[in-house]
């Protein structure tokens, strides 16, 4: 009696998992998390702003410059973004919806702000840093690192330069934002949010986790940007606004999420040559100063116009990453729902516009190549 051959597609996830969980991978993951933990403990002991993200981020960044081989995969970070989404969803209350009447106006301001700051930084990268136009544009666009690298490479840009400048932007903005807030308000972003917070019961946690998982799967199917975070946040928001769930996740889980997120940012630079990094670092620092100055001016005008908290608007407009900026707002207990909403709007706009820009560049480069191929009469 012969047995029918087993469908290999049924075990495809097992094959992918076994292909990832190699001894080398586990070693590099352990090194990244270990260095991140040491950085977090040191940062926490000296009361560094947002210590459990800043400490691991700086520690792994320094280790990356020392050529330490480490890695935190995107799949690992995606799970953490889901946990962070649940945290952010817990910041929504019925009162938040009352305040949201002004959000469409500030949302329009974000939609206008994004292309303007992109044009300014692109001009800087082309004229001052001497990057080619495609590399400059996709380095300047304040979107996710991975989609900008993929689309930029398709448009003829240098994907390594795009990855580096995008990574440096997030690193520098995440480092500077808590320090700017500290200088303006004198408040340290501790990373623990409201000290009087009520925590979920086990049944609430299971319900929230299940609802978040289902929503994330639906969002992934619909190809919603940042599906892990936005899906989990929506599920958590609905449960909290309706009163089904009242508490939030425990502080230790937030600290652990911050640690992994910070280590993931810093370990992006593992294997990058120091000479290559140094060549773009100065330009990236100057570009970040330009971004912060422009963002600060826009945030001040919007906050005055709509009578909103300046720090909340600053964090909402600063293009440092939806999770990172929202976490800083959560740590300061300054309208994290407002900040997260505006960053999601920014990501949606970029996801819609970036493929159009990539196709335009491809068409432009094709026409240019064709023109050069035709000999002059």
Protein backbone atom coordinates (compact mmCIF):
# COMPACT_ATOMS: atom_id res chain seq x y z
CA UNK A 1 0.00 0.00 0.00
CA UNK A 2 1.47 3.30 -1.08
CA UNK A 3 1.01 6.53 0.79
CA UNK A 4 0.15 9.67 -1.12
CA UNK A 5 2.99 12.17 -1.08
CA UNK A 6 2.56 14.90 1.49
CA UNK A 7 1.73 18.35 0.18
CA UNK A 8 4.89 20.40 0.72
CA UNK A 9 2.88 23.62 1.01
CA UNK A 10 1.41 22.38 4.29
CA UNK A 11 4.82 22.42 5.88
CA UNK A 12 6.09 25.57 4.17
CA UNK A 13 5.89 27.56 7.39
CA UNK A 14 7.90 24.83 9.14
CA UNK A 15 10.54 25.02 6.42
CA UNK A 16 10.72 28.82 6.70
CA UNK A 17 10.97 28.61 10.48
CA UNK A 18 13.71 25.99 10.40
CA UNK A 19 15.54 28.04 7.79
CA UNK A 20 15.54 31.07 10.08
CA UNK A 21 16.22 29.44 13.45
CA UNK A 22 19.81 28.51 12.69
CA UNK A 23 22.54 28.57 15.37
CA UNK A 24 24.12 31.61 13.70
CA UNK A 25 20.83 33.50 13.69
CA UNK A 26 20.06 32.65 17.33
CA UNK A 27 23.57 33.72 18.33
CA UNK A 28 23.23 37.11 16.60
CA UNK A 29 19.76 37.63 18.05
CA UNK A 30 21.02 36.80 21.57
CA UNK A 31 23.96 39.20 21.16
CA UNK A 32 21.65 42.04 20.03
CA UNK A 33 19.22 41.50 22.90
CA UNK A 34 22.04 41.04 25.43
CA UNK A 35 23.76 44.27 24.39
CA UNK A 36 20.39 46.00 24.38
CA UNK A 37 19.65 44.78 27.91
CA UNK A 38 22.98 46.11 29.20
CA UNK A 39 22.31 49.44 27.48
CA UNK A 40 18.83 49.58 28.98
CA UNK A 41 20.05 48.87 32.50
CA UNK A 42 22.73 51.55 32.24
CA UNK A 43 20.31 54.10 30.79
CA UNK A 44 17.72 53.29 33.46
CA UNK A 45 20.30 53.70 36.25
CA UNK A 46 21.21 57.22 35.07
CA UNK A 47 17.56 58.22 34.43
CA UNK A 48 18.05 58.69 30.68
CA UNK A 49 14.86 59.83 28.89
CA UNK A 50 12.96 56.82 27.52
CA UNK A 51 15.73 54.67 28.97
CA UNK A 52 14.51 51.25 27.85
CA UNK A 53 14.49 52.30 24.21
CA UNK A 54 17.30 54.88 24.12
CA UNK A 55 19.77 52.71 26.06
CA UNK A 56 19.45 49.60 23.88
CA UNK A 57 19.42 51.72 20.74
CA UNK A 58 22.67 53.52 21.60
CA UNK A 59 24.36 50.36 22.91
CA UNK A 60 23.61 48.32 19.79
CA UNK A 61 24.51 51.26 17.54
CA UNK A 62 27.95 51.55 19.20
CA UNK A 63 28.40 47.79 18.99
CA UNK A 64 27.47 47.94 15.29
CA UNK A 65 30.24 50.49 14.70
CA UNK A 66 32.62 48.05 16.42
CA UNK A 67 31.62 45.44 13.78
CA UNK A 68 29.76 43.19 16.24
CA UNK A 69 27.63 40.76 14.24
CA UNK A 70 24.02 40.85 15.46
CA UNK A 71 20.54 40.91 14.05
CA UNK A 72 16.91 41.40 15.06
CA UNK A 73 14.63 40.25 12.20
CA UNK A 74 11.63 42.24 10.99
CA UNK A 75 9.29 39.42 12.06
CA UNK A 76 10.47 39.88 15.65
CA UNK A 77 9.89 43.63 15.43
CA UNK A 78 6.43 43.11 13.93
CA UNK A 79 5.26 41.22 17.01
CA UNK A 80 6.56 44.02 19.21
CA UNK A 81 4.70 46.58 17.10
CA UNK A 82 1.53 44.62 17.80
CA UNK A 83 2.17 44.84 21.55
CA UNK A 84 2.86 48.57 21.23
CA UNK A 85 -0.36 48.95 19.24
CA UNK A 86 -2.30 47.45 22.16
CA UNK A 87 -0.61 49.91 24.52
CA UNK A 88 -1.49 52.86 22.30
CA UNK A 89 -5.07 51.65 21.85
CA UNK A 90 -5.41 51.74 25.63
CA UNK A 91 -4.80 55.50 25.58
CA UNK A 92 -8.09 56.08 23.71
CA UNK A 93 -11.04 57.01 25.90
CA UNK A 94 -14.56 58.37 25.22
CA UNK A 95 -13.09 61.81 26.01
CA UNK A 96 -10.49 61.25 23.27
CA UNK A 97 -13.26 61.01 20.69
CA UNK A 98 -14.64 64.37 21.87
CA UNK A 99 -11.21 65.96 21.35
CA UNK A 100 -10.89 64.32 17.92
CA UNK A 101 -13.17 66.96 16.36
CA UNK A 102 -10.06 69.04 15.58
CA UNK A 103 -8.01 66.13 14.23
CA UNK A 104 -9.20 66.38 10.59
CA UNK A 105 -7.80 69.92 10.41
CA UNK A 106 -4.41 68.95 11.81
CA UNK A 107 -4.53 65.85 9.61
CA UNK A 108 -4.76 68.10 6.54
CA UNK A 109 -1.76 70.01 7.89
CA UNK A 110 0.19 66.70 8.03
CA UNK A 111 -0.80 65.86 4.46
CA UNK A 112 0.56 69.25 3.31
CA UNK A 113 3.63 69.09 5.57
CA UNK A 114 4.94 65.73 4.27
CA UNK A 115 5.54 66.71 0.61
CA UNK A 116 7.00 70.09 1.62
CA UNK A 117 9.58 68.62 4.00
CA UNK A 118 10.35 65.91 1.43
CA UNK A 119 11.10 68.53 -1.23
CA UNK A 120 13.29 70.54 1.16
CA UNK A 121 15.38 67.54 2.27
CA UNK A 122 15.58 66.17 -1.28
CA UNK A 123 17.00 69.48 -2.47
CA UNK A 124 19.57 69.33 0.34
CA UNK A 125 20.62 65.77 -0.52
CA UNK A 126 20.94 66.59 -4.25
CA UNK A 127 22.64 69.98 -4.04
CA UNK A 128 24.73 69.63 -0.87
CA UNK A 129 25.25 65.88 -0.31
CA UNK A 130 25.54 65.27 -4.08
CA UNK A 131 23.32 62.18 -4.08
CA UNK A 132 21.67 61.20 -7.33
CA UNK A 133 18.02 62.40 -7.60
CA UNK A 134 16.38 59.00 -7.03
CA UNK A 135 18.55 58.23 -3.99
CA UNK A 136 17.98 61.74 -2.63
CA UNK A 137 14.19 61.58 -3.01
CA UNK A 138 13.73 58.20 -1.37
CA UNK A 139 16.25 59.08 1.35
CA UNK A 140 14.29 62.25 2.11
CA UNK A 141 10.79 60.77 2.03
CA UNK A 142 9.77 60.22 5.70
CA UNK A 143 8.37 56.72 5.26
CA UNK A 144 9.29 53.22 6.37
CA UNK A 145 12.85 52.08 5.74
CA UNK A 146 12.03 48.86 3.87
CA UNK A 147 9.49 50.26 1.37
CA UNK A 148 11.68 53.28 0.65
CA UNK A 149 14.69 51.04 -0.04
CA UNK A 150 12.70 48.73 -2.34
CA UNK A 151 10.98 51.53 -4.25
CA UNK A 152 14.13 53.64 -4.38
CA UNK A 153 16.14 50.77 -5.85
CA UNK A 154 13.40 50.18 -8.44
CA UNK A 155 13.63 53.85 -9.39
CA UNK A 156 17.38 53.56 -9.94
CA UNK A 157 18.59 54.79 -6.55
CA UNK A 158 21.41 53.43 -4.38
CA UNK A 159 19.61 51.15 -1.93
CA UNK A 160 22.48 51.07 0.58
CA UNK A 161 22.61 54.87 0.78
CA UNK A 162 18.82 55.05 1.10
CA UNK A 163 18.82 52.46 3.90
CA UNK A 164 21.59 54.27 5.75
CA UNK A 165 20.08 57.76 5.50
CA UNK A 166 16.62 56.48 6.45
CA UNK A 167 18.06 54.56 9.40
CA UNK A 168 20.07 57.57 10.56
CA UNK A 169 16.99 59.80 10.34
CA UNK A 170 15.01 57.55 12.67
CA UNK A 171 17.98 57.09 15.01
CA UNK A 172 18.70 60.82 15.28
CA UNK A 173 15.06 61.87 15.66
CA UNK A 174 14.37 59.24 18.31
CA UNK A 175 17.49 60.34 20.19
CA UNK A 176 16.74 64.04 19.96
CA UNK A 177 12.96 64.12 20.54
CA UNK A 178 13.01 63.14 24.27
CA UNK A 179 15.89 65.56 24.88
CA UNK A 180 14.02 68.41 23.16
CA UNK A 181 10.93 67.64 25.23
CA UNK A 182 13.09 67.59 28.37
CA UNK A 183 14.58 71.01 27.51
CA UNK A 184 11.16 72.55 26.80
CA UNK A 185 9.11 71.02 29.61
CA UNK A 186 11.66 69.74 32.13
CA UNK A 187 9.81 66.39 32.10
CA UNK A 188 11.75 63.14 31.60
CA UNK A 189 10.12 60.62 29.27
CA UNK A 190 10.33 57.66 31.64
CA UNK A 191 8.73 55.12 29.32
CA UNK A 192 6.14 54.06 31.89
CA UNK A 193 3.26 56.31 30.96
CA UNK A 194 0.73 57.11 33.66
CA UNK A 195 1.95 56.00 37.05
CA UNK A 196 -1.64 55.46 38.26
CA UNK A 197 -2.55 53.19 35.36
CA UNK A 198 -4.89 50.24 35.89
CA UNK A 199 -3.66 46.94 34.44
CA UNK A 200 -5.62 44.34 32.52
CA UNK A 201 -6.89 41.19 34.13
CA UNK A 202 -5.86 37.89 32.57
CA UNK A 203 -9.25 37.52 30.84
CA UNK A 204 -9.03 41.08 29.48
CA UNK A 205 -5.52 40.39 28.21
CA UNK A 206 -6.60 37.20 26.40
CA UNK A 207 -9.61 38.98 24.86
CA UNK A 208 -7.50 41.95 23.73
CA UNK A 209 -4.78 39.71 22.32
CA UNK A 210 -7.28 37.62 20.37
CA UNK A 211 -9.07 40.71 19.00
CA UNK A 212 -5.74 42.27 18.06
CA UNK A 213 -4.60 39.10 16.24
CA UNK A 214 -7.82 38.88 14.21
CA UNK A 215 -7.67 42.58 13.27
CA UNK A 216 -4.00 42.36 12.28
CA UNK A 217 -4.72 39.36 10.01
CA UNK A 218 -7.57 41.29 8.35
CA UNK A 219 -5.38 44.38 7.94
CA UNK A 220 -2.59 42.29 6.41
CA UNK A 221 -5.06 40.76 3.97
CA UNK A 222 -6.21 44.27 3.01
CA UNK A 223 -2.55 45.43 2.82
CA UNK A 224 -3.10 48.23 5.32
CA UNK A 225 0.20 50.06 6.06
CA UNK A 226 1.86 49.19 9.39
CA UNK A 227 -0.77 46.45 9.79
CA UNK A 228 0.67 44.93 12.97
CA UNK A 229 0.55 48.17 14.90
CA UNK A 230 -2.56 49.78 13.39
CA UNK A 231 -4.60 46.59 13.61
CA UNK A 232 -3.69 45.92 17.24
CA UNK A 233 -4.27 49.57 18.11
CA UNK A 234 -7.72 49.62 16.50
CA UNK A 235 -8.78 46.46 18.33
CA UNK A 236 -7.52 47.77 21.66
CA UNK A 237 -9.08 51.19 21.04
CA UNK A 238 -12.54 49.73 20.35
CA UNK A 239 -12.39 47.56 23.48
CA UNK A 240 -11.29 50.48 25.65
CA UNK A 241 -13.67 53.11 24.25
CA UNK A 242 -16.64 50.76 24.61
CA UNK A 243 -15.62 49.92 28.18
CA UNK A 244 -15.21 46.19 27.54
CA UNK A 245 -11.58 46.47 28.70
CA UNK A 246 -10.48 49.07 31.24
CA UNK A 247 -6.84 48.32 32.04
CA UNK A 248 -3.66 48.27 29.98
CA UNK A 249 -0.73 45.89 29.66
CA UNK A 250 1.82 45.78 32.53
CA UNK A 251 4.84 48.10 32.63
CA UNK A 252 7.39 45.29 32.32
CA UNK A 253 5.89 44.32 28.96
CA UNK A 254 6.22 47.91 27.73
CA UNK A 255 9.83 48.03 28.95
CA UNK A 256 10.60 44.77 27.13
CA UNK A 257 8.96 46.07 23.95
CA UNK A 258 10.99 49.27 24.17
CA UNK A 259 14.17 47.25 24.61
CA UNK A 260 13.58 45.13 21.51
CA UNK A 261 12.50 48.12 19.42
CA UNK A 262 15.57 50.13 20.46
CA UNK A 263 17.92 47.22 19.82
CA UNK A 264 16.32 46.68 16.40
CA UNK A 265 17.02 50.30 15.42
CA UNK A 266 20.65 50.19 16.56
CA UNK A 267 21.43 46.78 15.06
CA UNK A 268 20.37 47.99 11.61
CA UNK A 269 23.88 49.39 11.26
CA UNK A 270 25.63 46.07 11.89
CA UNK A 271 28.15 45.39 9.14
CA UNK A 272 28.12 48.94 7.76
CA UNK A 273 31.61 50.19 6.98
CA UNK A 274 32.64 53.07 9.23
CA UNK A 275 33.98 55.10 6.28
CA UNK A 276 30.67 54.72 4.46
CA UNK A 277 28.73 55.69 7.58
CA UNK A 278 30.92 58.72 8.26
CA UNK A 279 30.43 60.01 4.71
CA UNK A 280 26.66 60.25 5.12
CA UNK A 281 26.40 60.86 8.87
CA UNK A 282 27.29 64.56 8.69
CA UNK A 283 24.71 65.17 5.97
CA UNK A 284 22.10 63.17 7.88
CA UNK A 285 22.73 65.16 11.05
CA UNK A 286 22.32 68.45 9.18
CA UNK A 287 19.19 67.14 7.42
CA UNK A 288 17.76 66.13 10.81
CA UNK A 289 18.39 69.65 12.16
CA UNK A 290 16.53 71.07 9.14
CA UNK A 291 13.66 68.61 9.71
CA UNK A 292 13.41 69.49 13.41
CA UNK A 293 13.53 73.24 12.75
CA UNK A 294 10.85 73.06 10.05
CA UNK A 295 8.73 70.64 12.08
CA UNK A 296 8.99 72.86 15.16
CA UNK A 297 7.77 75.89 13.20
CA UNK A 298 4.86 74.01 11.66
CA UNK A 299 3.94 72.41 15.00
CA UNK A 300 3.94 75.80 16.73
CA UNK A 301 1.62 77.31 14.09
CA UNK A 302 -0.77 74.35 14.15
CA UNK A 303 -0.85 74.25 17.97
CA UNK A 304 -1.58 77.99 18.14
CA UNK A 305 -4.21 77.82 15.43
CA UNK A 306 -6.09 74.84 16.88
CA UNK A 307 -5.27 75.46 20.56
CA UNK A 308 -3.51 72.11 20.90
CA UNK A 309 -0.59 71.06 23.09
CA UNK A 310 2.64 72.07 21.30
CA UNK A 311 4.62 68.98 22.39
CA UNK A 312 1.83 66.67 21.21
CA UNK A 313 1.76 68.37 17.79
CA UNK A 314 5.58 68.33 17.59
CA UNK A 315 5.68 64.58 18.24
CA UNK A 316 2.79 64.03 15.82
CA UNK A 317 4.61 65.81 12.97
CA UNK A 318 8.22 64.71 13.66
CA UNK A 319 8.93 61.95 11.09
CA UNK A 320 10.81 59.64 13.42
CA UNK A 321 8.69 56.52 13.08
CA UNK A 322 5.10 55.89 14.10
CA UNK A 323 5.96 53.51 16.94
CA UNK A 324 8.90 55.50 18.27
CA UNK A 325 7.19 58.91 18.38
CA UNK A 326 3.98 57.41 19.77
CA UNK A 327 5.96 55.69 22.52
CA UNK A 328 7.58 58.98 23.52
CA UNK A 329 4.11 60.52 23.76
CA UNK A 330 2.93 57.50 25.77
CA UNK A 331 5.89 57.84 28.13
CA UNK A 332 5.06 61.52 28.68
CA UNK A 333 1.31 60.82 28.87
CA UNK A 334 0.83 63.53 26.22
CA UNK A 335 -2.03 62.50 23.93
CA UNK A 336 -0.44 59.33 22.48
CA UNK A 337 -3.64 58.60 20.52
CA UNK A 338 -3.33 61.99 18.77
CA UNK A 339 0.33 61.36 17.94
CA UNK A 340 -0.26 57.82 16.67
CA UNK A 341 -3.20 58.90 14.50
CA UNK A 342 -1.20 61.58 12.69
CA UNK A 343 1.77 59.28 12.06
CA UNK A 344 -0.54 56.66 10.58
CA UNK A 345 -1.97 59.36 8.28
CA UNK A 346 1.61 60.24 7.23
CA UNK A 347 2.41 56.59 6.48
CA UNK A 348 -0.79 56.20 4.44
CA UNK A 349 0.07 59.25 2.35
CA UNK A 350 3.60 58.02 1.67
CA UNK A 351 2.44 54.49 0.84
CA UNK A 352 0.08 55.97 -1.75
CA UNK A 353 2.54 58.48 -3.23
CA UNK A 354 5.83 56.52 -3.12
CA UNK A 355 4.90 53.95 -5.82
CA UNK A 356 3.80 56.82 -8.08
CA UNK A 357 7.16 58.52 -7.56
CA UNK A 358 9.00 55.25 -8.23
CA UNK A 359 7.11 54.68 -11.51
CA UNK A 360 7.77 58.27 -12.58
CA UNK A 361 11.49 57.82 -11.94
CA UNK A 362 11.53 54.52 -13.83
CA UNK A 363 9.79 56.16 -16.79
CA UNK A 364 12.14 59.15 -16.62
CA UNK A 365 15.25 56.94 -16.52
CA UNK A 366 13.96 54.81 -19.42
CA UNK A 367 13.39 57.89 -21.56
CA UNK A 368 16.82 59.23 -20.63
CA UNK A 369 18.51 55.91 -21.52
CA UNK A 370 16.63 55.78 -24.83
CA UNK A 371 17.62 59.34 -25.64
CA UNK A 372 21.28 58.59 -24.91
CA UNK A 373 21.14 55.47 -27.06
CA UNK A 374 20.02 57.41 -30.14
CA UNK A 375 23.08 58.82 -31.90
CA UNK A 376 22.95 62.52 -32.78
CA UNK A 377 22.33 63.36 -36.42
